[in-house]
């Protein structure tokens, strides 16, 4: 992915998918989506930091 916005968006999409699955399992989709957004932001942030670290190493 080329820029950080795409990475953050991809992380949020992954997180919402995971959160929705958790919400269905817990029988409370609204909490699952909220958890998914939080997980997605964390994933997107980790991907950005990893990309920036690789860029700094070069």
PDB file of N, CA and C in Angstrom:
ATOM      1  N   UNK A   1       0.836  -1.170   0.000  1.00  0.00           N
ATOM      2  CA  UNK A   1       0.000   0.000   0.000  1.00  0.00           C
ATOM      3  C   UNK A   1       0.877   1.228   0.000  1.00  0.00           C
ATOM      4  N   UNK A   2       0.409   2.284  -0.644  1.00  0.00           N
ATOM      5  CA  UNK A   2       1.276   3.415  -0.892  1.00  0.00           C
ATOM      6  C   UNK A   2       1.326   4.432   0.238  1.00  0.00           C
ATOM      7  N   UNK A   3       0.204   4.742   0.854  1.00  0.00           N
ATOM      8  CA  UNK A   3       0.255   5.767   1.891  1.00  0.00           C
ATOM      9  C   UNK A   3      -0.429   5.302   3.173  1.00  0.00           C
ATOM     10  N   UNK A   4      -0.273   6.114   4.195  1.00  0.00           N
ATOM     11  CA  UNK A   4      -0.755   5.705   5.510  1.00  0.00           C
ATOM     12  C   UNK A   4      -2.277   5.669   5.600  1.00  0.00           C
ATOM     13  N   UNK A   5      -2.973   6.492   4.785  1.00  0.00           N
ATOM     14  CA  UNK A   5      -4.436   6.464   4.831  1.00  0.00           C
ATOM     15  C   UNK A   5      -4.955   5.114   4.371  1.00  0.00           C
ATOM     16  N   UNK A   6      -4.339   4.549   3.349  1.00  0.00           N
ATOM     17  CA  UNK A   6      -4.775   3.237   2.884  1.00  0.00           C
ATOM     18  C   UNK A   6      -4.506   2.176   3.942  1.00  0.00           C
ATOM     19  N   UNK A   7      -3.387   2.268   4.637  1.00  0.00           N
ATOM     20  CA  UNK A   7      -3.070   1.292   5.675  1.00  0.00           C
ATOM     21  C   UNK A   7      -4.044   1.401   6.836  1.00  0.00           C
ATOM     22  N   UNK A   8      -4.370   2.621   7.210  1.00  0.00           N
ATOM     23  CA  UNK A   8      -5.311   2.809   8.312  1.00  0.00           C
ATOM     24  C   UNK A   8      -6.684   2.286   7.903  1.00  0.00           C
ATOM     25  N   UNK A   9      -7.095   2.563   6.683  1.00  0.00           N
ATOM     26  CA  UNK A   9      -8.385   2.075   6.198  1.00  0.00           C
ATOM     27  C   UNK A   9      -8.436   0.563   6.143  1.00  0.00           C
ATOM     28  N   UNK A  10      -7.343  -0.039   5.697  1.00  0.00           N
ATOM     29  CA  UNK A  10      -7.279  -1.502   5.643  1.00  0.00           C
ATOM     30  C   UNK A  10      -7.331  -2.083   7.052  1.00  0.00           C
ATOM     31  N   UNK A  11      -6.638  -1.456   7.982  1.00  0.00           N
ATOM     32  CA  UNK A  11      -6.660  -1.921   9.369  1.00  0.00           C
ATOM     33  C   UNK A  11      -8.048  -1.830   9.968  1.00  0.00           C
ATOM     34  N   UNK A  12      -8.744  -0.730   9.686  1.00  0.00           N
ATOM     35  CA  UNK A  12     -10.100  -0.568  10.211  1.00  0.00           C
ATOM     36  C   UNK A  12     -11.033  -1.606   9.596  1.00  0.00           C
ATOM     37  N   UNK A  13     -10.878  -1.858   8.287  1.00  0.00           N
ATOM     38  CA  UNK A  13     -11.722  -2.863   7.630  1.00  0.00           C
ATOM     39  C   UNK A  13     -11.505  -4.243   8.239  1.00  0.00           C
ATOM     40  N   UNK A  14     -10.248  -4.597   8.477  1.00  0.00           N
ATOM     41  CA  UNK A  14      -9.934  -5.887   9.109  1.00  0.00           C
ATOM     42  C   UNK A  14     -10.530  -5.934  10.517  1.00  0.00           C
ATOM     43  N   UNK A  15     -10.361  -4.849  11.256  1.00  0.00           N
ATOM     44  CA  UNK A  15     -10.876  -4.792  12.623  1.00  0.00           C
ATOM     45  C   UNK A  15     -12.385  -4.887  12.697  1.00  0.00           C
ATOM     46  N   UNK A  16     -13.073  -4.218  11.767  1.00  0.00           N
ATOM     47  CA  UNK A  16     -14.535  -4.290  11.772  1.00  0.00           C
ATOM     48  C   UNK A  16     -14.987  -5.706  11.454  1.00  0.00           C
ATOM     49  N   UNK A  17     -14.284  -6.377  10.548  1.00  0.00           N
ATOM     50  CA  UNK A  17     -14.619  -7.772  10.261  1.00  0.00           C
ATOM     51  C   UNK A  17     -14.467  -8.651  11.487  1.00  0.00           C
ATOM     52  N   UNK A  18     -13.349  -8.478  12.183  1.00  0.00           N
ATOM     53  CA  UNK A  18     -13.111  -9.248  13.408  1.00  0.00           C
ATOM     54  C   UNK A  18     -14.144  -8.883  14.476  1.00  0.00           C
ATOM     55  N   UNK A  19     -14.404  -7.583  14.633  1.00  0.00           N
ATOM     56  CA  UNK A  19     -15.358  -7.121  15.643  1.00  0.00           C
ATOM     57  C   UNK A  19     -16.769  -7.604  15.374  1.00  0.00           C
ATOM     58  N   UNK A  20     -17.155  -7.617  14.092  1.00  0.00           N
ATOM     59  CA  UNK A  20     -18.495  -8.117  13.763  1.00  0.00           C
ATOM     60  C   UNK A  20     -18.618  -9.597  14.102  1.00  0.00           C
ATOM     61  N   UNK A  21     -17.562 -10.349  13.798  1.00  0.00           N
ATOM     62  CA  UNK A  21     -17.576 -11.775  14.145  1.00  0.00           C
ATOM     63  C   UNK A  21     -17.679 -11.952  15.658  1.00  0.00           C
ATOM     64  N   UNK A  22     -16.934 -11.144  16.412  1.00  0.00           N
ATOM     65  CA  UNK A  22     -17.033 -11.222  17.875  1.00  0.00           C
ATOM     66  C   UNK A  22     -18.423 -10.810  18.357  1.00  0.00           C
ATOM     67  N   UNK A  23     -18.985  -9.778  17.721  1.00  0.00           N
ATOM     68  CA  UNK A  23     -20.317  -9.320  18.099  1.00  0.00           C
ATOM     69  C   UNK A  23     -21.373 -10.374  17.862  1.00  0.00           C
ATOM     70  N   UNK A  24     -21.269 -11.072  16.741  1.00  0.00           N
ATOM     71  CA  UNK A  24     -22.224 -12.150  16.464  1.00  0.00           C
ATOM     72  C   UNK A  24     -22.056 -13.264  17.490  1.00  0.00           C
ATOM     73  N   UNK A  25     -20.803 -13.582  17.813  1.00  0.00           N
ATOM     74  CA  UNK A  25     -20.546 -14.640  18.790  1.00  0.00           C
ATOM     75  C   UNK A  25     -21.071 -14.261  20.177  1.00  0.00           C
ATOM     76  N   UNK A  26     -20.968 -12.965  20.516  1.00  0.00           N
ATOM     77  CA  UNK A  26     -21.434 -12.504  21.825  1.00  0.00           C
ATOM     78  C   UNK A  26     -22.907 -12.123  21.807  1.00  0.00           C
ATOM     79  N   UNK A  27     -23.532 -12.175  20.625  1.00  0.00           N
ATOM     80  CA  UNK A  27     -24.934 -11.813  20.475  1.00  0.00           C
ATOM     81  C   UNK A  27     -25.173 -10.331  20.741  1.00  0.00           C
ATOM     82  N   UNK A  28     -24.163  -9.497  20.419  1.00  0.00           N
ATOM     83  CA  UNK A  28     -24.278  -8.051  20.591  1.00  0.00           C
ATOM     84  C   UNK A  28     -23.407  -7.383  19.526  1.00  0.00           C
ATOM     85  N   UNK A  29     -23.975  -7.178  18.350  1.00  0.00           N
ATOM     86  CA  UNK A  29     -23.204  -6.687  17.215  1.00  0.00           C
ATOM     87  C   UNK A  29     -22.721  -5.255  17.437  1.00  0.00           C
ATOM     88  N   UNK A  30     -23.495  -4.414  18.106  1.00  0.00           N
ATOM     89  CA  UNK A  30     -23.085  -3.017  18.286  1.00  0.00           C
ATOM     90  C   UNK A  30     -21.787  -2.913  19.095  1.00  0.00           C
ATOM     91  N   UNK A  31     -21.641  -3.705  20.120  1.00  0.00           N
ATOM     92  CA  UNK A  31     -20.393  -3.714  20.885  1.00  0.00           C
ATOM     93  C   UNK A  31     -19.271  -4.304  20.044  1.00  0.00           C
ATOM     94  N   UNK A  32     -19.574  -5.313  19.257  1.00  0.00           N
ATOM     95  CA  UNK A  32     -18.567  -5.930  18.392  1.00  0.00           C
ATOM     96  C   UNK A  32     -18.013  -4.962  17.372  1.00  0.00           C
ATOM     97  N   UNK A  33     -18.874  -4.138  16.774  1.00  0.00           N
ATOM     98  CA  UNK A  33     -18.403  -3.165  15.791  1.00  0.00           C
ATOM     99  C   UNK A  33     -17.519  -2.119  16.466  1.00  0.00           C
ATOM    100  N   UNK A  34     -17.913  -1.672  17.645  1.00  0.00           N
ATOM    101  CA  UNK A  34     -17.079  -0.720  18.395  1.00  0.00           C
ATOM    102  C   UNK A  34     -15.718  -1.303  18.727  1.00  0.00           C
ATOM    103  N   UNK A  35     -15.715  -2.545  19.164  1.00  0.00           N
ATOM    104  CA  UNK A  35     -14.443  -3.219  19.439  1.00  0.00           C
ATOM    105  C   UNK A  35     -13.640  -3.370  18.151  1.00  0.00           C
ATOM    106  N   UNK A  36     -14.319  -3.647  17.058  1.00  0.00           N
ATOM    107  CA  UNK A  36     -13.655  -3.815  15.772  1.00  0.00           C
ATOM    108  C   UNK A  36     -12.958  -2.547  15.309  1.00  0.00           C
ATOM    109  N   UNK A  37     -13.612  -1.407  15.490  1.00  0.00           N
ATOM    110  CA  UNK A  37     -12.990  -0.140  15.115  1.00  0.00           C
ATOM    111  C   UNK A  37     -11.734   0.082  15.949  1.00  0.00           C
ATOM    112  N   UNK A  38     -11.807  -0.185  17.244  1.00  0.00           N
ATOM    113  CA  UNK A  38     -10.634  -0.023  18.116  1.00  0.00           C
ATOM    114  C   UNK A  38      -9.509  -0.967  17.690  1.00  0.00           C
ATOM    115  N   UNK A  39      -9.856  -2.210  17.403  1.00  0.00           N
ATOM    116  CA  UNK A  39      -8.856  -3.176  16.943  1.00  0.00           C
ATOM    117  C   UNK A  39      -8.274  -2.723  15.608  1.00  0.00           C
ATOM    118  N   UNK A  40      -9.133  -2.224  14.723  1.00  0.00           N
ATOM    119  CA  UNK A  40      -8.686  -1.777  13.407  1.00  0.00           C
ATOM    120  C   UNK A  40      -7.733  -0.605  13.478  1.00  0.00           C
ATOM    121  N   UNK A  41      -8.010   0.341  14.342  1.00  0.00           N
ATOM    122  CA  UNK A  41      -7.102   1.482  14.499  1.00  0.00           C
ATOM    123  C   UNK A  41      -5.756   0.996  15.024  1.00  0.00           C
ATOM    124  N   UNK A  42      -5.777   0.055  15.946  1.00  0.00           N
ATOM    125  CA  UNK A  42      -4.525  -0.498  16.463  1.00  0.00           C
ATOM    126  C   UNK A  42      -3.744  -1.211  15.356  1.00  0.00           C
ATOM    127  N   UNK A  43      -4.436  -1.999  14.532  1.00  0.00           N
ATOM    128  CA  UNK A  43      -3.772  -2.705  13.436  1.00  0.00           C
ATOM    129  C   UNK A  43      -3.201  -1.703  12.438  1.00  0.00           C
ATOM    130  N   UNK A  44      -3.988  -0.684  12.071  1.00  0.00           N
ATOM    131  CA  UNK A  44      -3.519   0.333  11.132  1.00  0.00           C
ATOM    132  C   UNK A  44      -2.313   1.089  11.661  1.00  0.00           C
ATOM    133  N   UNK A  45      -2.323   1.405  12.945  1.00  0.00           N
ATOM    134  CA  UNK A  45      -1.192   2.100  13.555  1.00  0.00           C
ATOM    135  C   UNK A  45       0.057   1.230  13.544  1.00  0.00           C
ATOM    136  N   UNK A  46      -0.110  -0.052  13.843  1.00  0.00           N
ATOM    137  CA  UNK A  46       1.043  -0.963  13.809  1.00  0.00           C
ATOM    138  C   UNK A  46       1.609  -1.076  12.404  1.00  0.00           C
ATOM    139  N   UNK A  47       0.729  -1.137  11.393  1.00  0.00           N
ATOM    140  CA  UNK A  47       1.213  -1.239  10.015  1.00  0.00           C
ATOM    141  C   UNK A  47       1.944   0.034   9.607  1.00  0.00           C
ATOM    142  N   UNK A  48       1.453   1.203  10.040  1.00  0.00           N
ATOM    143  CA  UNK A  48       2.133   2.460   9.736  1.00  0.00           C
ATOM    144  C   UNK A  48       3.507   2.519  10.387  1.00  0.00           C
ATOM    145  N   UNK A  49       3.585   2.118  11.653  1.00  0.00           N
ATOM    146  CA  UNK A  49       4.869   2.142  12.354  1.00  0.00           C
ATOM    147  C   UNK A  49       5.865   1.190  11.704  1.00  0.00           C
ATOM    148  N   UNK A  50       5.381   0.024  11.284  1.00  0.00           N
ATOM    149  CA  UNK A  50       6.248  -0.950  10.629  1.00  0.00           C
ATOM    150  C   UNK A  50       6.784  -0.386   9.311  1.00  0.00           C
ATOM    151  N   UNK A  51       5.917   0.282   8.544  1.00  0.00           N
ATOM    152  CA  UNK A  51       6.344   0.868   7.270  1.00  0.00           C
ATOM    153  C   UNK A  51       7.349   1.988   7.514  1.00  0.00           C
ATOM    154  N   UNK A  52       7.082   2.836   8.511  1.00  0.00           N
ATOM    155  CA  UNK A  52       8.000   3.937   8.801  1.00  0.00           C
ATOM    156  C   UNK A  52       9.348   3.423   9.282  1.00  0.00           C
ATOM    157  N   UNK A  53       9.355   2.338  10.049  1.00  0.00           N
ATOM    158  CA  UNK A  53      10.609   1.773  10.530  1.00  0.00           C
ATOM    159  C   UNK A  53      11.431   1.234   9.368  1.00  0.00           C
ATOM    160  N   UNK A  54      10.770   0.556   8.409  1.00  0.00           N
ATOM    161  CA  UNK A  54      11.479   0.057   7.232  1.00  0.00           C
ATOM    162  C   UNK A  54      12.045   1.209   6.416  1.00  0.00           C
ATOM    163  N   UNK A  55      11.278   2.309   6.337  1.00  0.00           N
ATOM    164  CA  UNK A  55      11.719   3.471   5.581  1.00  0.00           C
ATOM    165  C   UNK A  55      12.946   4.113   6.245  1.00  0.00           C
ATOM    166  N   UNK A  56      12.974   4.140   7.579  1.00  0.00           N
ATOM    167  CA  UNK A  56      14.092   4.731   8.310  1.00  0.00           C
ATOM    168  C   UNK A  56      15.346   3.856   8.213  1.00  0.00           C
ATOM    169  N   UNK A  57      15.177   2.550   8.082  1.00  0.00           N
ATOM    170  CA  UNK A  57      16.315   1.638   8.006  1.00  0.00           C
ATOM    171  C   UNK A  57      17.069   1.769   6.697  1.00  0.00           C
ATOM    172  N   UNK A  58      16.395   2.220   5.654  1.00  0.00           N
ATOM    173  CA  UNK A  58      17.033   2.304   4.334  1.00  0.00           C
ATOM    174  C   UNK A  58      18.029   3.414   4.237  1.00  0.00           C
TER     175      UNK A  58
END
